[in-house]
Amino acid sequence: MNTATVPEPRTTAALAARRRKTETALQRVHEAITRLRRENAQISFAAVARRANVSRTFLYDNVEARAAVAAAMPESGERRSQILADQDSEREATWRERALNAEDALKAAQAEILTQRTRIGELLGQIRDLQEEWTEEAMQRITTENTTLKQRIRQLTADNRVLNERLEAARSNIRFQDRRVADLEAQISGT
């Protein structure tokens, strides 16, 4: 007696429908990857699942879908890196110069503040060590110098704050320019 069973017509039809559904979903996955590449967008399982209107589970469970997304992910990263590198090389150098100048000025201000603090520490140490031996006039002169140095530190701290704000503004301008370039590229590629 033969124990092999022949699938019923309904089972065969259900299996064929399931295969067609899977093939349609795979086609949508490939189309989504192609669209993401064309848009120079980051390719990930989540992005492909959204674009192809399939579940992430489908992408992970289906060998062909998983392989297609996995193969496209490194390509996307390399292409995106190349585009960003090209954008960086095409930008004007003025923002870089301003940022570098602001950073240099910030470093100089911080070095000056450190020098002034060291000098104040030395003067305070001298005052403590020699306080009994000094005259009222000498103490007044050192107090005046100390006050002057503290004012200089406040001024340098304010200058430092201004330079930090300029540096942050320069960095903000860079981010804005990056977004603007990306928007313009998107508009160019969209036409």
N, C-alpha and C. Protein backbone atom coordinates (compact mmCIF):
# COMPACT_ATOMS: atom_id res chain seq x y z
N MET A 1 0.84 -1.18 0.00
CA MET A 1 0.00 0.00 0.00
C MET A 1 0.88 1.23 0.00
N ASN A 2 0.56 2.19 -0.83
CA ASN A 2 1.34 3.43 -0.99
C ASN A 2 0.87 4.45 0.04
N THR A 3 1.84 4.95 0.86
CA THR A 3 1.45 5.91 1.91
C THR A 3 1.65 7.35 1.49
N ALA A 4 2.26 7.58 0.35
CA ALA A 4 2.47 8.96 -0.13
C ALA A 4 1.12 9.56 -0.48
N THR A 5 0.94 10.78 -0.08
CA THR A 5 -0.35 11.41 -0.35
C THR A 5 -0.17 12.43 -1.45
N VAL A 6 -1.15 12.55 -2.23
CA VAL A 6 -1.17 13.52 -3.31
C VAL A 6 -1.89 14.75 -2.76
N PRO A 7 -1.27 15.94 -2.92
CA PRO A 7 -1.92 17.12 -2.37
C PRO A 7 -3.28 17.35 -3.01
N GLU A 8 -4.15 17.80 -2.21
CA GLU A 8 -5.48 18.12 -2.70
C GLU A 8 -5.41 19.36 -3.59
N PRO A 9 -6.34 19.54 -4.48
CA PRO A 9 -6.32 20.72 -5.35
C PRO A 9 -6.34 22.03 -4.55
N ARG A 10 -7.05 22.05 -3.43
CA ARG A 10 -7.11 23.27 -2.63
C ARG A 10 -5.75 23.57 -2.02
N THR A 11 -5.03 22.54 -1.57
CA THR A 11 -3.71 22.72 -0.99
C THR A 11 -2.74 23.23 -2.05
N THR A 12 -2.81 22.65 -3.23
CA THR A 12 -1.94 23.07 -4.32
C THR A 12 -2.21 24.53 -4.66
N ALA A 13 -3.46 24.90 -4.73
CA ALA A 13 -3.82 26.29 -5.03
C ALA A 13 -3.34 27.23 -3.93
N ALA A 14 -3.43 26.81 -2.68
CA ALA A 14 -2.97 27.64 -1.56
C ALA A 14 -1.46 27.82 -1.61
N LEU A 15 -0.75 26.72 -1.92
CA LEU A 15 0.71 26.81 -2.03
C LEU A 15 1.12 27.73 -3.19
N ALA A 16 0.43 27.63 -4.29
CA ALA A 16 0.73 28.49 -5.45
C ALA A 16 0.45 29.95 -5.12
N ALA A 17 -0.64 30.20 -4.41
CA ALA A 17 -0.96 31.58 -4.02
C ALA A 17 0.10 32.12 -3.07
N ARG A 18 0.55 31.25 -2.17
CA ARG A 18 1.60 31.69 -1.22
C ARG A 18 2.89 32.00 -1.96
N ARG A 19 3.26 31.17 -2.95
CA ARG A 19 4.46 31.42 -3.75
C ARG A 19 4.34 32.73 -4.51
N ARG A 20 3.17 32.99 -5.10
CA ARG A 20 2.96 34.25 -5.84
C ARG A 20 3.08 35.45 -4.90
N LYS A 21 2.51 35.31 -3.70
CA LYS A 21 2.57 36.40 -2.72
C LYS A 21 4.02 36.67 -2.31
N THR A 22 4.77 35.60 -2.11
CA THR A 22 6.18 35.75 -1.74
C THR A 22 6.97 36.38 -2.88
N GLU A 23 6.71 35.93 -4.12
CA GLU A 23 7.41 36.51 -5.28
C GLU A 23 7.08 37.98 -5.44
N THR A 24 5.83 38.35 -5.21
CA THR A 24 5.42 39.76 -5.29
C THR A 24 6.13 40.57 -4.21
N ALA A 25 6.19 40.02 -3.02
CA ALA A 25 6.88 40.72 -1.92
C ALA A 25 8.36 40.86 -2.23
N LEU A 26 8.98 39.83 -2.81
CA LEU A 26 10.40 39.90 -3.18
C LEU A 26 10.63 40.97 -4.25
N GLN A 27 9.69 41.03 -5.19
CA GLN A 27 9.81 42.05 -6.24
C GLN A 27 9.73 43.45 -5.60
N ARG A 28 8.81 43.65 -4.65
CA ARG A 28 8.71 44.95 -3.97
C ARG A 28 9.98 45.26 -3.20
N VAL A 29 10.60 44.24 -2.60
CA VAL A 29 11.85 44.43 -1.86
C VAL A 29 12.94 44.92 -2.81
N HIS A 30 13.07 44.26 -3.95
CA HIS A 30 14.09 44.68 -4.92
C HIS A 30 13.81 46.09 -5.44
N GLU A 31 12.56 46.40 -5.69
CA GLU A 31 12.21 47.76 -6.14
C GLU A 31 12.52 48.79 -5.05
N ALA A 32 12.25 48.45 -3.80
CA ALA A 32 12.53 49.38 -2.70
C ALA A 32 14.03 49.63 -2.58
N ILE A 33 14.82 48.58 -2.71
CA ILE A 33 16.28 48.75 -2.66
C ILE A 33 16.74 49.64 -3.80
N THR A 34 16.20 49.42 -4.99
CA THR A 34 16.56 50.26 -6.14
C THR A 34 16.20 51.71 -5.89
N ARG A 35 14.99 51.97 -5.36
CA ARG A 35 14.59 53.35 -5.07
C ARG A 35 15.49 53.98 -4.02
N LEU A 36 15.80 53.25 -2.97
CA LEU A 36 16.68 53.78 -1.92
C LEU A 36 18.07 54.11 -2.48
N ARG A 37 18.56 53.26 -3.37
CA ARG A 37 19.86 53.55 -4.00
C ARG A 37 19.78 54.81 -4.84
N ARG A 38 18.71 54.93 -5.61
CA ARG A 38 18.54 56.11 -6.47
C ARG A 38 18.49 57.39 -5.65
N GLU A 39 17.87 57.32 -4.48
CA GLU A 39 17.73 58.49 -3.61
C GLU A 39 18.95 58.69 -2.72
N ASN A 40 19.93 57.81 -2.85
CA ASN A 40 21.13 57.86 -2.00
C ASN A 40 20.76 57.84 -0.53
N ALA A 41 19.74 57.10 -0.20
CA ALA A 41 19.28 56.99 1.19
C ALA A 41 19.99 55.80 1.85
N GLN A 42 20.01 55.84 3.16
CA GLN A 42 20.63 54.75 3.93
C GLN A 42 19.76 53.50 3.78
N ILE A 43 20.39 52.40 3.43
CA ILE A 43 19.66 51.15 3.26
C ILE A 43 19.81 50.33 4.53
N SER A 44 18.66 49.96 5.09
CA SER A 44 18.63 49.12 6.29
C SER A 44 17.42 48.22 6.18
N PHE A 45 17.37 47.22 7.05
CA PHE A 45 16.21 46.32 7.03
C PHE A 45 14.93 47.10 7.29
N ALA A 46 14.97 48.04 8.22
CA ALA A 46 13.78 48.81 8.56
C ALA A 46 13.34 49.68 7.38
N ALA A 47 14.30 50.33 6.71
CA ALA A 47 13.96 51.21 5.58
C ALA A 47 13.38 50.40 4.43
N VAL A 48 13.98 49.26 4.14
CA VAL A 48 13.47 48.42 3.04
C VAL A 48 12.09 47.89 3.39
N ALA A 49 11.89 47.46 4.63
CA ALA A 49 10.59 46.93 5.04
C ALA A 49 9.51 48.00 4.88
N ARG A 50 9.82 49.24 5.29
CA ARG A 50 8.82 50.31 5.14
C ARG A 50 8.51 50.57 3.67
N ARG A 51 9.56 50.69 2.85
CA ARG A 51 9.35 51.01 1.44
C ARG A 51 8.65 49.89 0.68
N ALA A 52 8.99 48.64 1.01
CA ALA A 52 8.42 47.51 0.28
C ALA A 52 7.09 47.06 0.85
N ASN A 53 6.69 47.66 1.98
CA ASN A 53 5.44 47.29 2.64
C ASN A 53 5.43 45.79 2.98
N VAL A 54 6.55 45.35 3.57
CA VAL A 54 6.64 43.98 4.07
C VAL A 54 7.12 44.06 5.51
N SER A 55 7.00 42.97 6.22
CA SER A 55 7.45 42.96 7.61
C SER A 55 8.95 42.70 7.66
N ARG A 56 9.56 43.13 8.75
CA ARG A 56 10.98 42.83 8.94
C ARG A 56 11.17 41.32 9.07
N THR A 57 10.19 40.66 9.66
CA THR A 57 10.27 39.22 9.81
C THR A 57 10.39 38.55 8.45
N PHE A 58 9.63 39.05 7.46
CA PHE A 58 9.73 38.52 6.10
C PHE A 58 11.16 38.69 5.58
N LEU A 59 11.73 39.88 5.81
CA LEU A 59 13.09 40.14 5.31
C LEU A 59 14.11 39.22 5.97
N TYR A 60 13.94 38.97 7.25
CA TYR A 60 14.89 38.11 7.94
C TYR A 60 14.67 36.63 7.64
N ASP A 61 13.40 36.21 7.49
CA ASP A 61 13.10 34.81 7.27
C ASP A 61 13.34 34.36 5.83
N ASN A 62 13.07 35.23 4.87
CA ASN A 62 13.22 34.87 3.46
C ASN A 62 14.69 35.03 3.08
N VAL A 63 15.30 33.94 2.64
CA VAL A 63 16.73 33.93 2.36
C VAL A 63 17.08 34.92 1.25
N GLU A 64 16.31 34.96 0.20
CA GLU A 64 16.61 35.85 -0.93
C GLU A 64 16.47 37.32 -0.52
N ALA A 65 15.42 37.64 0.23
CA ALA A 65 15.23 39.02 0.69
C ALA A 65 16.34 39.45 1.62
N ARG A 66 16.68 38.57 2.56
CA ARG A 66 17.75 38.89 3.52
C ARG A 66 19.07 39.12 2.78
N ALA A 67 19.37 38.28 1.80
CA ALA A 67 20.62 38.41 1.04
C ALA A 67 20.63 39.71 0.24
N ALA A 68 19.51 40.07 -0.35
CA ALA A 68 19.44 41.30 -1.15
C ALA A 68 19.67 42.54 -0.28
N VAL A 69 19.04 42.56 0.89
CA VAL A 69 19.21 43.72 1.78
C VAL A 69 20.62 43.75 2.33
N ALA A 70 21.13 42.59 2.74
CA ALA A 70 22.48 42.54 3.30
C ALA A 70 23.51 42.97 2.27
N ALA A 71 23.32 42.59 1.01
CA ALA A 71 24.26 42.98 -0.04
C ALA A 71 24.17 44.48 -0.33
N ALA A 72 22.99 45.04 -0.22
CA ALA A 72 22.81 46.46 -0.54
C ALA A 72 23.30 47.38 0.58
N MET A 73 23.33 46.89 1.81
CA MET A 73 23.70 47.76 2.94
C MET A 73 25.14 48.28 2.82
N PRO A 74 26.17 47.46 2.58
CA PRO A 74 27.53 48.02 2.47
C PRO A 74 27.68 48.96 1.29
N GLU A 75 27.02 48.61 0.16
CA GLU A 75 27.09 49.48 -1.01
C GLU A 75 26.53 50.86 -0.68
N SER A 76 25.43 50.88 0.06
CA SER A 76 24.80 52.15 0.43
C SER A 76 25.73 52.99 1.27
N GLY A 77 26.38 52.36 2.25
CA GLY A 77 27.30 53.09 3.12
C GLY A 77 28.48 53.65 2.35
N GLU A 78 29.05 52.85 1.41
CA GLU A 78 30.19 53.32 0.62
C GLU A 78 29.78 54.48 -0.27
N ARG A 79 28.62 54.35 -0.93
CA ARG A 79 28.16 55.40 -1.84
C ARG A 79 27.87 56.67 -1.05
N ARG A 80 27.24 56.53 0.11
CA ARG A 80 26.93 57.69 0.95
C ARG A 80 28.22 58.36 1.43
N SER A 81 29.22 57.57 1.80
CA SER A 81 30.50 58.12 2.23
C SER A 81 31.17 58.87 1.10
N GLN A 82 31.09 58.32 -0.10
CA GLN A 82 31.69 58.99 -1.25
C GLN A 82 30.98 60.31 -1.55
N ILE A 83 29.66 60.33 -1.45
CA ILE A 83 28.91 61.56 -1.70
C ILE A 83 29.27 62.61 -0.66
N LEU A 84 29.32 62.20 0.61
CA LEU A 84 29.69 63.15 1.66
C LEU A 84 31.10 63.66 1.48
N ALA A 85 32.02 62.79 1.06
CA ALA A 85 33.40 63.23 0.83
C ALA A 85 33.45 64.23 -0.32
N ASP A 86 32.68 63.97 -1.38
CA ASP A 86 32.63 64.91 -2.50
C ASP A 86 32.06 66.25 -2.07
N GLN A 87 31.02 66.23 -1.24
CA GLN A 87 30.43 67.48 -0.76
C GLN A 87 31.44 68.26 0.06
N ASP A 88 32.18 67.57 0.92
CA ASP A 88 33.16 68.25 1.76
C ASP A 88 34.24 68.91 0.91
N SER A 89 34.69 68.23 -0.13
CA SER A 89 35.76 68.79 -0.94
C SER A 89 35.29 69.96 -1.79
N GLU A 90 34.00 70.05 -2.07
CA GLU A 90 33.47 71.12 -2.91
C GLU A 90 33.14 72.39 -2.15
N ARG A 91 33.04 72.32 -0.85
CA ARG A 91 32.66 73.50 -0.07
C ARG A 91 33.76 74.55 -0.06
N GLU A 92 33.37 75.77 0.17
CA GLU A 92 34.35 76.85 0.29
C GLU A 92 35.16 76.68 1.55
N ALA A 93 36.38 77.25 1.55
CA ALA A 93 37.28 77.09 2.69
C ALA A 93 37.07 78.17 3.74
N THR A 94 36.24 79.15 3.49
CA THR A 94 36.11 80.26 4.45
C THR A 94 35.58 79.80 5.79
N TRP A 95 34.59 78.91 5.79
CA TRP A 95 34.05 78.46 7.08
C TRP A 95 35.08 77.68 7.85
N ARG A 96 35.94 76.94 7.13
CA ARG A 96 36.99 76.20 7.80
C ARG A 96 37.99 77.17 8.44
N GLU A 97 38.34 78.19 7.68
CA GLU A 97 39.28 79.18 8.20
C GLU A 97 38.70 79.87 9.43
N ARG A 98 37.43 80.24 9.37
CA ARG A 98 36.82 80.89 10.54
C ARG A 98 36.80 79.96 11.73
N ALA A 99 36.46 78.71 11.50
CA ALA A 99 36.43 77.76 12.61
C ALA A 99 37.83 77.53 13.16
N LEU A 100 38.81 77.41 12.28
CA LEU A 100 40.19 77.22 12.74
C LEU A 100 40.69 78.45 13.48
N ASN A 101 40.37 79.64 12.96
CA ASN A 101 40.77 80.87 13.65
C ASN A 101 40.12 80.97 15.02
N ALA A 102 38.84 80.62 15.08
CA ALA A 102 38.15 80.67 16.38
C ALA A 102 38.76 79.66 17.35
N GLU A 103 39.09 78.47 16.85
CA GLU A 103 39.72 77.48 17.72
C GLU A 103 41.09 77.93 18.19
N ASP A 104 41.88 78.54 17.28
CA ASP A 104 43.20 79.05 17.67
C ASP A 104 43.07 80.15 18.71
N ALA A 105 42.13 81.06 18.49
CA ALA A 105 41.93 82.14 19.46
C ALA A 105 41.45 81.58 20.80
N LEU A 106 40.62 80.58 20.74
CA LEU A 106 40.13 79.93 21.97
C LEU A 106 41.28 79.29 22.73
N LYS A 107 42.16 78.59 22.02
CA LYS A 107 43.32 77.98 22.66
C LYS A 107 44.22 79.05 23.28
N ALA A 108 44.43 80.15 22.54
CA ALA A 108 45.28 81.21 23.06
C ALA A 108 44.66 81.84 24.31
N ALA A 109 43.35 82.04 24.29
CA ALA A 109 42.67 82.62 25.46
C ALA A 109 42.76 81.67 26.66
N GLN A 110 42.58 80.39 26.41
CA GLN A 110 42.68 79.42 27.50
C GLN A 110 44.10 79.38 28.06
N ALA A 111 45.11 79.47 27.19
CA ALA A 111 46.49 79.49 27.67
C ALA A 111 46.76 80.75 28.49
N GLU A 112 46.22 81.89 28.03
CA GLU A 112 46.40 83.15 28.77
C GLU A 112 45.71 83.08 30.12
N ILE A 113 44.53 82.50 30.17
CA ILE A 113 43.82 82.36 31.45
C ILE A 113 44.63 81.49 32.40
N LEU A 114 45.17 80.41 31.89
CA LEU A 114 45.98 79.53 32.73
C LEU A 114 47.21 80.27 33.25
N THR A 115 47.85 81.05 32.39
CA THR A 115 49.01 81.83 32.81
C THR A 115 48.64 82.83 33.89
N GLN A 116 47.52 83.51 33.70
CA GLN A 116 47.08 84.50 34.68
C GLN A 116 46.72 83.83 36.01
N ARG A 117 46.09 82.70 35.95
CA ARG A 117 45.74 81.99 37.19
C ARG A 117 47.00 81.56 37.93
N THR A 118 47.99 81.10 37.18
CA THR A 118 49.26 80.71 37.79
C THR A 118 49.91 81.91 38.46
N ARG A 119 49.89 83.03 37.76
CA ARG A 119 50.49 84.26 38.31
C ARG A 119 49.75 84.70 39.57
N ILE A 120 48.44 84.62 39.56
CA ILE A 120 47.65 84.98 40.75
C ILE A 120 48.01 84.06 41.91
N GLY A 121 48.13 82.77 41.62
CA GLY A 121 48.51 81.82 42.66
C GLY A 121 49.87 82.15 43.26
N GLU A 122 50.81 82.51 42.39
CA GLU A 122 52.14 82.88 42.88
C GLU A 122 52.07 84.12 43.76
N LEU A 123 51.31 85.12 43.32
CA LEU A 123 51.20 86.36 44.09
C LEU A 123 50.51 86.12 45.43
N LEU A 124 49.48 85.30 45.42
CA LEU A 124 48.81 85.01 46.68
C LEU A 124 49.75 84.27 47.64
N GLY A 125 50.56 83.38 47.09
CA GLY A 125 51.53 82.68 47.91
C GLY A 125 52.55 83.64 48.51
N GLN A 126 52.99 84.60 47.70
CA GLN A 126 53.94 85.60 48.22
C GLN A 126 53.31 86.44 49.31
N ILE A 127 52.06 86.78 49.13
CA ILE A 127 51.37 87.59 50.14
C ILE A 127 51.32 86.84 51.46
N ARG A 128 50.94 85.57 51.41
CA ARG A 128 50.85 84.78 52.63
C ARG A 128 52.22 84.62 53.29
N ASP A 129 53.23 84.37 52.47
CA ASP A 129 54.56 84.14 53.02
C ASP A 129 55.16 85.40 53.65
N LEU A 130 54.94 86.52 53.03
CA LEU A 130 55.63 87.74 53.46
C LEU A 130 54.71 88.79 54.06
N GLN A 131 53.53 88.41 54.42
CA GLN A 131 52.55 89.39 54.86
C GLN A 131 53.04 90.19 56.06
N GLU A 132 53.71 89.58 56.99
CA GLU A 132 54.16 90.31 58.17
C GLU A 132 55.26 91.31 57.84
N GLU A 133 56.09 91.00 56.84
CA GLU A 133 57.23 91.85 56.54
C GLU A 133 56.87 93.02 55.63
N TRP A 134 55.78 92.97 54.98
CA TRP A 134 55.47 94.00 54.00
C TRP A 134 54.80 95.19 54.65
N THR A 135 55.01 96.30 54.00
CA THR A 135 54.38 97.53 54.47
C THR A 135 52.97 97.59 53.94
N GLU A 136 52.25 98.53 54.48
CA GLU A 136 50.86 98.73 54.02
C GLU A 136 50.85 99.12 52.54
N GLU A 137 51.80 99.90 52.11
CA GLU A 137 51.88 100.34 50.71
C GLU A 137 52.12 99.15 49.78
N ALA A 138 53.04 98.24 50.16
CA ALA A 138 53.33 97.06 49.34
C ALA A 138 52.10 96.15 49.26
N MET A 139 51.41 96.01 50.38
CA MET A 139 50.20 95.19 50.37
C MET A 139 49.13 95.80 49.48
N GLN A 140 49.03 97.12 49.51
CA GLN A 140 48.06 97.80 48.66
C GLN A 140 48.41 97.59 47.19
N ARG A 141 49.71 97.69 46.85
CA ARG A 141 50.15 97.49 45.47
C ARG A 141 49.82 96.07 45.01
N ILE A 142 50.09 95.07 45.83
CA ILE A 142 49.82 93.68 45.46
C ILE A 142 48.32 93.44 45.35
N THR A 143 47.56 94.03 46.24
CA THR A 143 46.10 93.91 46.17
C THR A 143 45.60 94.51 44.86
N THR A 144 46.16 95.65 44.49
CA THR A 144 45.77 96.29 43.23
C THR A 144 46.14 95.40 42.05
N GLU A 145 47.35 94.83 42.08
CA GLU A 145 47.76 93.92 41.01
C GLU A 145 46.83 92.71 40.94
N ASN A 146 46.48 92.19 42.09
CA ASN A 146 45.58 91.05 42.16
C ASN A 146 44.22 91.40 41.56
N THR A 147 43.71 92.56 41.91
CA THR A 147 42.42 93.01 41.36
C THR A 147 42.53 93.16 39.85
N THR A 148 43.64 93.75 39.39
CA THR A 148 43.85 93.93 37.95
C THR A 148 43.88 92.58 37.25
N LEU A 149 44.59 91.62 37.84
CA LEU A 149 44.67 90.29 37.23
C LEU A 149 43.31 89.60 37.22
N LYS A 150 42.55 89.77 38.27
CA LYS A 150 41.20 89.17 38.29
C LYS A 150 40.32 89.79 37.21
N GLN A 151 40.46 91.11 37.02
CA GLN A 151 39.69 91.76 35.96
C GLN A 151 40.13 91.24 34.60
N ARG A 152 41.44 91.03 34.45
CA ARG A 152 41.96 90.49 33.19
C ARG A 152 41.42 89.08 32.96
N ILE A 153 41.35 88.30 34.02
CA ILE A 153 40.79 86.94 33.89
C ILE A 153 39.32 87.02 33.48
N ARG A 154 38.57 87.90 34.10
CA ARG A 154 37.15 88.06 33.72
C ARG A 154 37.04 88.45 32.25
N GLN A 155 37.92 89.37 31.82
CA GLN A 155 37.89 89.80 30.42
C GLN A 155 38.25 88.63 29.50
N LEU A 156 39.28 87.88 29.86
CA LEU A 156 39.67 86.73 29.04
C LEU A 156 38.58 85.66 29.03
N THR A 157 37.93 85.49 30.17
CA THR A 157 36.83 84.52 30.23
C THR A 157 35.68 84.97 29.33
N ALA A 158 35.39 86.26 29.34
CA ALA A 158 34.34 86.79 28.45
C ALA A 158 34.76 86.61 27.00
N ASP A 159 36.04 86.92 26.70
CA ASP A 159 36.53 86.72 25.33
C ASP A 159 36.44 85.25 24.94
N ASN A 160 36.78 84.39 25.88
CA ASN A 160 36.69 82.95 25.64
C ASN A 160 35.25 82.54 25.33
N ARG A 161 34.31 83.08 26.07
CA ARG A 161 32.89 82.78 25.84
C ARG A 161 32.47 83.25 24.45
N VAL A 162 32.90 84.47 24.07
CA VAL A 162 32.56 85.00 22.74
C VAL A 162 33.16 84.10 21.66
N LEU A 163 34.40 83.69 21.85
CA LEU A 163 35.04 82.82 20.85
C LEU A 163 34.34 81.47 20.78
N ASN A 164 33.92 80.96 21.92
CA ASN A 164 33.15 79.70 21.91
C ASN A 164 31.85 79.87 21.15
N GLU A 165 31.18 81.00 21.35
CA GLU A 165 29.93 81.25 20.64
C GLU A 165 30.19 81.37 19.14
N ARG A 166 31.28 82.03 18.76
CA ARG A 166 31.62 82.14 17.34
C ARG A 166 31.91 80.78 16.74
N LEU A 167 32.65 79.97 17.50
CA LEU A 167 32.95 78.62 17.03
C LEU A 167 31.67 77.82 16.85
N GLU A 168 30.77 77.91 17.82
CA GLU A 168 29.49 77.20 17.71
C GLU A 168 28.68 77.72 16.53
N ALA A 169 28.72 79.04 16.31
CA ALA A 169 28.01 79.61 15.16
C ALA A 169 28.60 79.10 13.85
N ALA A 170 29.95 79.03 13.80
CA ALA A 170 30.59 78.52 12.59
C ALA A 170 30.20 77.06 12.36
N ARG A 171 30.17 76.28 13.43
CA ARG A 171 29.76 74.87 13.29
C ARG A 171 28.30 74.77 12.87
N SER A 172 27.48 75.64 13.40
CA SER A 172 26.06 75.65 13.01
C SER A 172 25.92 76.01 11.53
N ASN A 173 26.72 76.98 11.07
CA ASN A 173 26.70 77.34 9.66
C ASN A 173 27.10 76.16 8.80
N ILE A 174 28.09 75.40 9.26
CA ILE A 174 28.53 74.22 8.51
C ILE A 174 27.39 73.22 8.41
N ARG A 175 26.72 72.96 9.55
CA ARG A 175 25.60 72.01 9.52
C ARG A 175 24.49 72.50 8.59
N PHE A 176 24.22 73.81 8.63
CA PHE A 176 23.18 74.35 7.76
C PHE A 176 23.58 74.19 6.29
N GLN A 177 24.85 74.46 5.98
CA GLN A 177 25.32 74.32 4.62
C GLN A 177 25.24 72.87 4.17
N ASP A 178 25.57 71.95 5.07
CA ASP A 178 25.47 70.53 4.74
C ASP A 178 24.03 70.16 4.38
N ARG A 179 23.09 70.62 5.22
CA ARG A 179 21.67 70.32 4.95
C ARG A 179 21.22 70.96 3.64
N ARG A 180 21.66 72.17 3.40
CA ARG A 180 21.25 72.89 2.19
C ARG A 180 21.79 72.18 0.95
N VAL A 181 23.06 71.74 1.01
CA VAL A 181 23.65 71.03 -0.11
C VAL A 181 22.89 69.73 -0.35
N ALA A 182 22.56 69.03 0.75
CA ALA A 182 21.82 67.77 0.61
C ALA A 182 20.44 68.03 0.00
N ASP A 183 19.77 69.11 0.43
CA ASP A 183 18.46 69.45 -0.13
C ASP A 183 18.58 69.77 -1.61
N LEU A 184 19.60 70.53 -1.98
CA LEU A 184 19.79 70.88 -3.39
C LEU A 184 20.11 69.64 -4.22
N GLU A 185 20.93 68.76 -3.67
CA GLU A 185 21.22 67.52 -4.39
C GLU A 185 19.97 66.68 -4.57
N ALA A 186 19.15 66.64 -3.52
CA ALA A 186 17.90 65.88 -3.60
C ALA A 186 16.99 66.48 -4.66
N GLN A 187 16.95 67.81 -4.73
CA GLN A 187 16.12 68.47 -5.74
C GLN A 187 16.66 68.19 -7.14
N ILE A 188 17.99 68.21 -7.28
CA ILE A 188 18.60 67.96 -8.59
C ILE A 188 18.35 66.52 -9.01
N SER A 189 18.54 65.58 -8.09
CA SER A 189 18.35 64.19 -8.44
C SER A 189 16.87 63.87 -8.64
N GLY A 190 15.99 64.65 -8.02
CA GLY A 190 14.55 64.41 -8.15
C GLY A 190 14.01 64.87 -9.50
N THR A 191 14.72 65.77 -10.18
CA THR A 191 14.23 66.27 -11.48
C THR A 191 14.68 65.45 -12.63
